[in-house]
């Protein structure tokens, strides 16, 4: 019998933007950006990041494929993790994502939260998220993952170590985007 469980994907990436390089300098982690998708073709990827390709600010909730940051670099290292979810969890995810999409003008990037995160201080501001805080918020609210720390302290690297995270791709974002995750063996 085939496994028909739905999946939510967490995409961890490292672009060559100045903010990404600064974050990498402080964290030493291989990936310093986190995004979400339910689409195995990776046509819809959501996160909190820059709204325009060439400028770090303004930043907020965006569909990343529309911004085009991944196109700015010859190589974008990434890992993609799948989380199997129940129908109820999937519906909760879709409801939350639809709310973010509908009210995207209400949301902003948590610049102060990013600075706090660098110093180990959780900074919560209404309707403000950093990428990892957004992904952790969604996964936590939908009961997909449990974090043993304040969500304001979750870093992209933390998603790699969740018990229910299944690595389905490791490689170049520029290679996987045109193909999608149709073949589990791709890149792993």
C-alpha atoms as a PDB file:
ATOM      1  CA  UNK A   1       0.000   0.000   0.000  1.00  0.00           C
ATOM      2  CA  UNK A   2       1.422   3.392  -1.008  1.00  0.00           C
ATOM      3  CA  UNK A   3       2.165   6.069   1.547  1.00  0.00           C
ATOM      4  CA  UNK A   4      -0.241   8.925   0.801  1.00  0.00           C
ATOM      5  CA  UNK A   5       0.733  11.093   3.746  1.00  0.00           C
ATOM      6  CA  UNK A   6       1.122  14.754   3.000  1.00  0.00           C
ATOM      7  CA  UNK A   7       4.458  16.466   3.514  1.00  0.00           C
ATOM      8  CA  UNK A   8       5.662  19.880   4.514  1.00  0.00           C
ATOM      9  CA  UNK A   9       9.166  20.809   3.450  1.00  0.00           C
ATOM     10  CA  UNK A  10      11.660  22.957   5.310  1.00  0.00           C
ATOM     11  CA  UNK A  11      14.280  24.385   2.988  1.00  0.00           C
ATOM     12  CA  UNK A  12      17.570  25.495   4.530  1.00  0.00           C
ATOM     13  CA  UNK A  13      19.803  27.574   2.287  1.00  0.00           C
ATOM     14  CA  UNK A  14      22.863  29.779   2.205  1.00  0.00           C
ATOM     15  CA  UNK A  15      22.876  32.520  -0.391  1.00  0.00           C
ATOM     16  CA  UNK A  16      25.729  34.882  -1.034  1.00  0.00           C
ATOM     17  CA  UNK A  17      23.910  38.036   0.034  1.00  0.00           C
ATOM     18  CA  UNK A  18      25.737  40.369   2.389  1.00  0.00           C
ATOM     19  CA  UNK A  19      23.278  39.697   5.260  1.00  0.00           C
ATOM     20  CA  UNK A  20      23.619  35.924   4.722  1.00  0.00           C
ATOM     21  CA  UNK A  21      27.416  36.133   4.779  1.00  0.00           C
ATOM     22  CA  UNK A  22      27.334  38.216   7.984  1.00  0.00           C
ATOM     23  CA  UNK A  23      24.984  35.736   9.659  1.00  0.00           C
ATOM     24  CA  UNK A  24      27.191  32.837   8.554  1.00  0.00           C
ATOM     25  CA  UNK A  25      30.228  34.604  10.033  1.00  0.00           C
ATOM     26  CA  UNK A  26      28.526  34.757  13.443  1.00  0.00           C
ATOM     27  CA  UNK A  27      26.841  31.336  13.423  1.00  0.00           C
ATOM     28  CA  UNK A  28      29.377  29.234  11.575  1.00  0.00           C
ATOM     29  CA  UNK A  29      26.395  27.149  10.422  1.00  0.00           C
ATOM     30  CA  UNK A  30      26.246  25.823   6.863  1.00  0.00           C
ATOM     31  CA  UNK A  31      22.735  27.255   6.276  1.00  0.00           C
ATOM     32  CA  UNK A  32      21.375  30.502   7.613  1.00  0.00           C
ATOM     33  CA  UNK A  33      17.982  30.819   5.956  1.00  0.00           C
ATOM     34  CA  UNK A  34      14.819  28.749   6.443  1.00  0.00           C
ATOM     35  CA  UNK A  35      11.758  28.513   4.215  1.00  0.00           C
ATOM     36  CA  UNK A  36       8.592  26.397   3.945  1.00  0.00           C
ATOM     37  CA  UNK A  37       6.765  24.625   1.144  1.00  0.00           C
ATOM     38  CA  UNK A  38       4.151  21.915   0.670  1.00  0.00           C
ATOM     39  CA  UNK A  39       4.915  21.753  -3.000  1.00  0.00           C
ATOM     40  CA  UNK A  40       7.272  18.927  -4.021  1.00  0.00           C
ATOM     41  CA  UNK A  41       7.859  20.856  -7.247  1.00  0.00           C
ATOM     42  CA  UNK A  42       9.115  23.785  -5.111  1.00  0.00           C
ATOM     43  CA  UNK A  43       7.120  26.321  -7.108  1.00  0.00           C
ATOM     44  CA  UNK A  44       5.813  27.962  -3.914  1.00  0.00           C
ATOM     45  CA  UNK A  45       8.358  28.637  -1.169  1.00  0.00           C
ATOM     46  CA  UNK A  46       7.503  30.986   1.710  1.00  0.00           C
ATOM     47  CA  UNK A  47       9.580  32.739   4.324  1.00  0.00           C
ATOM     48  CA  UNK A  48      10.465  36.046   5.936  1.00  0.00           C
ATOM     49  CA  UNK A  49      13.170  37.769   3.953  1.00  0.00           C
ATOM     50  CA  UNK A  50      13.826  40.604   1.511  1.00  0.00           C
ATOM     51  CA  UNK A  51      10.929  41.732  -0.642  1.00  0.00           C
ATOM     52  CA  UNK A  52      13.092  42.893  -3.533  1.00  0.00           C
ATOM     53  CA  UNK A  53      15.969  41.055  -5.148  1.00  0.00           C
ATOM     54  CA  UNK A  54      18.605  43.777  -4.854  1.00  0.00           C
ATOM     55  CA  UNK A  55      17.739  45.284  -1.447  1.00  0.00           C
ATOM     56  CA  UNK A  56      17.855  43.688   2.014  1.00  0.00           C
ATOM     57  CA  UNK A  57      15.117  46.023   3.242  1.00  0.00           C
ATOM     58  CA  UNK A  58      12.198  46.212   3.234  1.00  0.00           C
ATOM     59  CA  UNK A  59      11.717  42.621   4.300  1.00  0.00           C
ATOM     60  CA  UNK A  60       8.740  40.596   5.436  1.00  0.00           C
ATOM     61  CA  UNK A  61       6.559  37.649   4.466  1.00  0.00           C
ATOM     62  CA  UNK A  62       7.241  36.690   0.850  1.00  0.00           C
ATOM     63  CA  UNK A  63       6.868  33.971  -1.726  1.00  0.00           C
ATOM     64  CA  UNK A  64      10.571  33.529  -2.396  1.00  0.00           C
ATOM     65  CA  UNK A  65      10.376  32.339  -5.985  1.00  0.00           C
ATOM     66  CA  UNK A  66       8.827  35.712  -6.828  1.00  0.00           C
ATOM     67  CA  UNK A  67      11.763  37.639  -5.358  1.00  0.00           C
ATOM     68  CA  UNK A  68      14.455  35.813  -7.314  1.00  0.00           C
ATOM     69  CA  UNK A  69      17.312  35.856  -4.789  1.00  0.00           C
ATOM     70  CA  UNK A  70      18.219  32.269  -5.685  1.00  0.00           C
ATOM     71  CA  UNK A  71      18.882  33.483  -9.246  1.00  0.00           C
ATOM     72  CA  UNK A  72      21.503  35.997  -8.078  1.00  0.00           C
ATOM     73  CA  UNK A  73      24.191  33.383  -7.418  1.00  0.00           C
ATOM     74  CA  UNK A  74      25.882  30.618  -9.373  1.00  0.00           C
ATOM     75  CA  UNK A  75      25.422  28.206  -6.485  1.00  0.00           C
ATOM     76  CA  UNK A  76      23.070  28.194  -3.491  1.00  0.00           C
ATOM     77  CA  UNK A  77      23.866  25.333  -1.075  1.00  0.00           C
ATOM     78  CA  UNK A  78      20.771  23.876   0.561  1.00  0.00           C
ATOM     79  CA  UNK A  79      19.224  20.988   2.427  1.00  0.00           C
ATOM     80  CA  UNK A  80      15.543  20.127   2.205  1.00  0.00           C
ATOM     81  CA  UNK A  81      13.779  18.248   4.972  1.00  0.00           C
ATOM     82  CA  UNK A  82      10.376  16.580   4.699  1.00  0.00           C
ATOM     83  CA  UNK A  83       7.946  16.322   7.595  1.00  0.00           C
ATOM     84  CA  UNK A  84       5.107  13.840   7.182  1.00  0.00           C
ATOM     85  CA  UNK A  85       1.876  15.370   8.423  1.00  0.00           C
ATOM     86  CA  UNK A  86      -1.671  14.259   9.082  1.00  0.00           C
ATOM     87  CA  UNK A  87      -4.606  15.727   7.176  1.00  0.00           C
ATOM     88  CA  UNK A  88      -5.415  17.830  10.255  1.00  0.00           C
ATOM     89  CA  UNK A  89      -1.861  19.211  10.490  1.00  0.00           C
ATOM     90  CA  UNK A  90      -1.845  19.932   6.769  1.00  0.00           C
ATOM     91  CA  UNK A  91      -5.144  21.823   7.020  1.00  0.00           C
ATOM     92  CA  UNK A  92      -3.816  23.827   9.987  1.00  0.00           C
ATOM     93  CA  UNK A  93      -0.706  24.675   7.954  1.00  0.00           C
ATOM     94  CA  UNK A  94      -2.777  25.766   4.946  1.00  0.00           C
ATOM     95  CA  UNK A  95      -5.047  27.907   7.142  1.00  0.00           C
ATOM     96  CA  UNK A  96      -2.071  29.628   8.773  1.00  0.00           C
ATOM     97  CA  UNK A  97      -0.286  30.150   5.463  1.00  0.00           C
ATOM     98  CA  UNK A  98      -3.459  31.540   3.862  1.00  0.00           C
ATOM     99  CA  UNK A  99      -3.729  34.007   6.737  1.00  0.00           C
ATOM    100  CA  UNK A 100      -0.129  35.143   6.212  1.00  0.00           C
ATOM    101  CA  UNK A 101      -0.731  35.490   2.461  1.00  0.00           C
ATOM    102  CA  UNK A 102      -3.998  37.380   2.914  1.00  0.00           C
ATOM    103  CA  UNK A 103      -2.569  39.810   5.464  1.00  0.00           C
ATOM    104  CA  UNK A 104       1.056  39.942   4.253  1.00  0.00           C
ATOM    105  CA  UNK A 105       1.174  43.739   4.539  1.00  0.00           C
ATOM    106  CA  UNK A 106       0.734  43.375   8.310  1.00  0.00           C
ATOM    107  CA  UNK A 107       3.974  41.430   8.671  1.00  0.00           C
ATOM    108  CA  UNK A 108       7.554  42.654   8.794  1.00  0.00           C
ATOM    109  CA  UNK A 109      10.997  41.207   9.276  1.00  0.00           C
ATOM    110  CA  UNK A 110      12.122  41.144  12.906  1.00  0.00           C
ATOM    111  CA  UNK A 111      15.446  42.997  12.519  1.00  0.00           C
ATOM    112  CA  UNK A 112      15.656  43.536  16.287  1.00  0.00           C
ATOM    113  CA  UNK A 113      14.890  39.839  16.763  1.00  0.00           C
ATOM    114  CA  UNK A 114      17.785  38.931  14.469  1.00  0.00           C
ATOM    115  CA  UNK A 115      20.148  41.044  16.566  1.00  0.00           C
ATOM    116  CA  UNK A 116      18.743  39.490  19.743  1.00  0.00           C
ATOM    117  CA  UNK A 117      19.164  36.015  18.288  1.00  0.00           C
ATOM    118  CA  UNK A 118      22.863  36.739  17.713  1.00  0.00           C
ATOM    119  CA  UNK A 119      23.174  37.418  21.465  1.00  0.00           C
ATOM    120  CA  UNK A 120      20.936  34.570  22.614  1.00  0.00           C
ATOM    121  CA  UNK A 121      18.019  36.864  23.474  1.00  0.00           C
ATOM    122  CA  UNK A 122      14.523  36.101  22.214  1.00  0.00           C
ATOM    123  CA  UNK A 123      12.823  39.245  20.934  1.00  0.00           C
ATOM    124  CA  UNK A 124       9.123  38.941  20.155  1.00  0.00           C
ATOM    125  CA  UNK A 125       7.345  41.709  18.299  1.00  0.00           C
ATOM    126  CA  UNK A 126       3.772  41.495  17.096  1.00  0.00           C
ATOM    127  CA  UNK A 127       3.643  40.441  13.419  1.00  0.00           C
ATOM    128  CA  UNK A 128       7.464  40.441  13.130  1.00  0.00           C
ATOM    129  CA  UNK A 129       9.479  37.315  12.368  1.00  0.00           C
ATOM    130  CA  UNK A 130      12.920  36.248  11.257  1.00  0.00           C
ATOM    131  CA  UNK A 131      12.888  33.319   8.845  1.00  0.00           C
ATOM    132  CA  UNK A 132      13.609  30.609  11.413  1.00  0.00           C
ATOM    133  CA  UNK A 133      11.150  32.076  13.914  1.00  0.00           C
ATOM    134  CA  UNK A 134       8.419  32.004  11.234  1.00  0.00           C
ATOM    135  CA  UNK A 135       9.134  28.385  10.261  1.00  0.00           C
ATOM    136  CA  UNK A 136       9.311  27.314  13.929  1.00  0.00           C
ATOM    137  CA  UNK A 137       6.065  29.184  14.669  1.00  0.00           C
ATOM    138  CA  UNK A 138       4.224  27.372  11.874  1.00  0.00           C
ATOM    139  CA  UNK A 139       5.633  23.938  12.722  1.00  0.00           C
ATOM    140  CA  UNK A 140       4.920  24.425  16.420  1.00  0.00           C
ATOM    141  CA  UNK A 141       1.374  25.774  16.003  1.00  0.00           C
ATOM    142  CA  UNK A 142       0.513  22.929  13.625  1.00  0.00           C
ATOM    143  CA  UNK A 143       1.969  20.388  16.078  1.00  0.00           C
ATOM    144  CA  UNK A 144       4.458  19.183  13.487  1.00  0.00           C
ATOM    145  CA  UNK A 145       7.575  19.812  15.577  1.00  0.00           C
ATOM    146  CA  UNK A 146       8.437  20.475  19.194  1.00  0.00           C
ATOM    147  CA  UNK A 147      11.180  22.923  20.097  1.00  0.00           C
ATOM    148  CA  UNK A 148      12.896  22.790  23.463  1.00  0.00           C
ATOM    149  CA  UNK A 149      13.610  26.499  23.422  1.00  0.00           C
ATOM    150  CA  UNK A 150      11.843  29.799  22.935  1.00  0.00           C
ATOM    151  CA  UNK A 151      10.825  30.098  19.273  1.00  0.00           C
ATOM    152  CA  UNK A 152      12.633  33.432  19.131  1.00  0.00           C
ATOM    153  CA  UNK A 153      15.876  31.500  19.645  1.00  0.00           C
ATOM    154  CA  UNK A 154      15.358  28.886  16.938  1.00  0.00           C
ATOM    155  CA  UNK A 155      18.058  29.073  14.256  1.00  0.00           C
ATOM    156  CA  UNK A 156      17.896  27.499  10.796  1.00  0.00           C
ATOM    157  CA  UNK A 157      20.461  24.896  11.872  1.00  0.00           C
ATOM    158  CA  UNK A 158      18.043  23.630  14.565  1.00  0.00           C
ATOM    159  CA  UNK A 159      15.654  22.184  11.963  1.00  0.00           C
ATOM    160  CA  UNK A 160      18.331  19.732  10.844  1.00  0.00           C
ATOM    161  CA  UNK A 161      18.191  17.964  14.210  1.00  0.00           C
ATOM    162  CA  UNK A 162      14.446  17.531  14.698  1.00  0.00           C
ATOM    163  CA  UNK A 163      13.552  13.863  15.241  1.00  0.00           C
ATOM    164  CA  UNK A 164      10.879  13.816  12.541  1.00  0.00           C
ATOM    165  CA  UNK A 165      12.915  15.698   9.899  1.00  0.00           C
ATOM    166  CA  UNK A 166      13.784  13.515   6.912  1.00  0.00           C
ATOM    167  CA  UNK A 167      16.577  14.813   4.692  1.00  0.00           C
ATOM    168  CA  UNK A 168      15.298  14.479   1.111  1.00  0.00           C
ATOM    169  CA  UNK A 169      17.790  16.678  -0.744  1.00  0.00           C
ATOM    170  CA  UNK A 170      21.243  18.118  -0.200  1.00  0.00           C
ATOM    171  CA  UNK A 171      22.940  20.085  -2.912  1.00  0.00           C
ATOM    172  CA  UNK A 172      22.456  23.197  -4.999  1.00  0.00           C
ATOM    173  CA  UNK A 173      19.149  25.064  -4.871  1.00  0.00           C
ATOM    174  CA  UNK A 174      19.696  26.098  -8.486  1.00  0.00           C
ATOM    175  CA  UNK A 175      19.782  22.423  -9.501  1.00  0.00           C
ATOM    176  CA  UNK A 176      16.685  21.295  -7.592  1.00  0.00           C
ATOM    177  CA  UNK A 177      14.365  24.235  -8.382  1.00  0.00           C
ATOM    178  CA  UNK A 178      13.812  23.290 -12.038  1.00  0.00           C
ATOM    179  CA  UNK A 179      13.368  19.594 -11.141  1.00  0.00           C
ATOM    180  CA  UNK A 180      11.421  19.588  -7.906  1.00  0.00           C
ATOM    181  CA  UNK A 181      11.588  16.708  -5.449  1.00  0.00           C
ATOM    182  CA  UNK A 182       9.869  14.203  -7.739  1.00  0.00           C
ATOM    183  CA  UNK A 183      12.638  11.642  -7.235  1.00  0.00           C
ATOM    184  CA  UNK A 184      13.590  11.031  -3.635  1.00  0.00           C
ATOM    185  CA  UNK A 185      17.043   9.852  -4.651  1.00  0.00           C
ATOM    186  CA  UNK A 186      17.912  13.188  -6.235  1.00  0.00           C
ATOM    187  CA  UNK A 187      20.839  14.714  -4.369  1.00  0.00           C
ATOM    188  CA  UNK A 188      20.682  12.601  -1.202  1.00  0.00           C
END
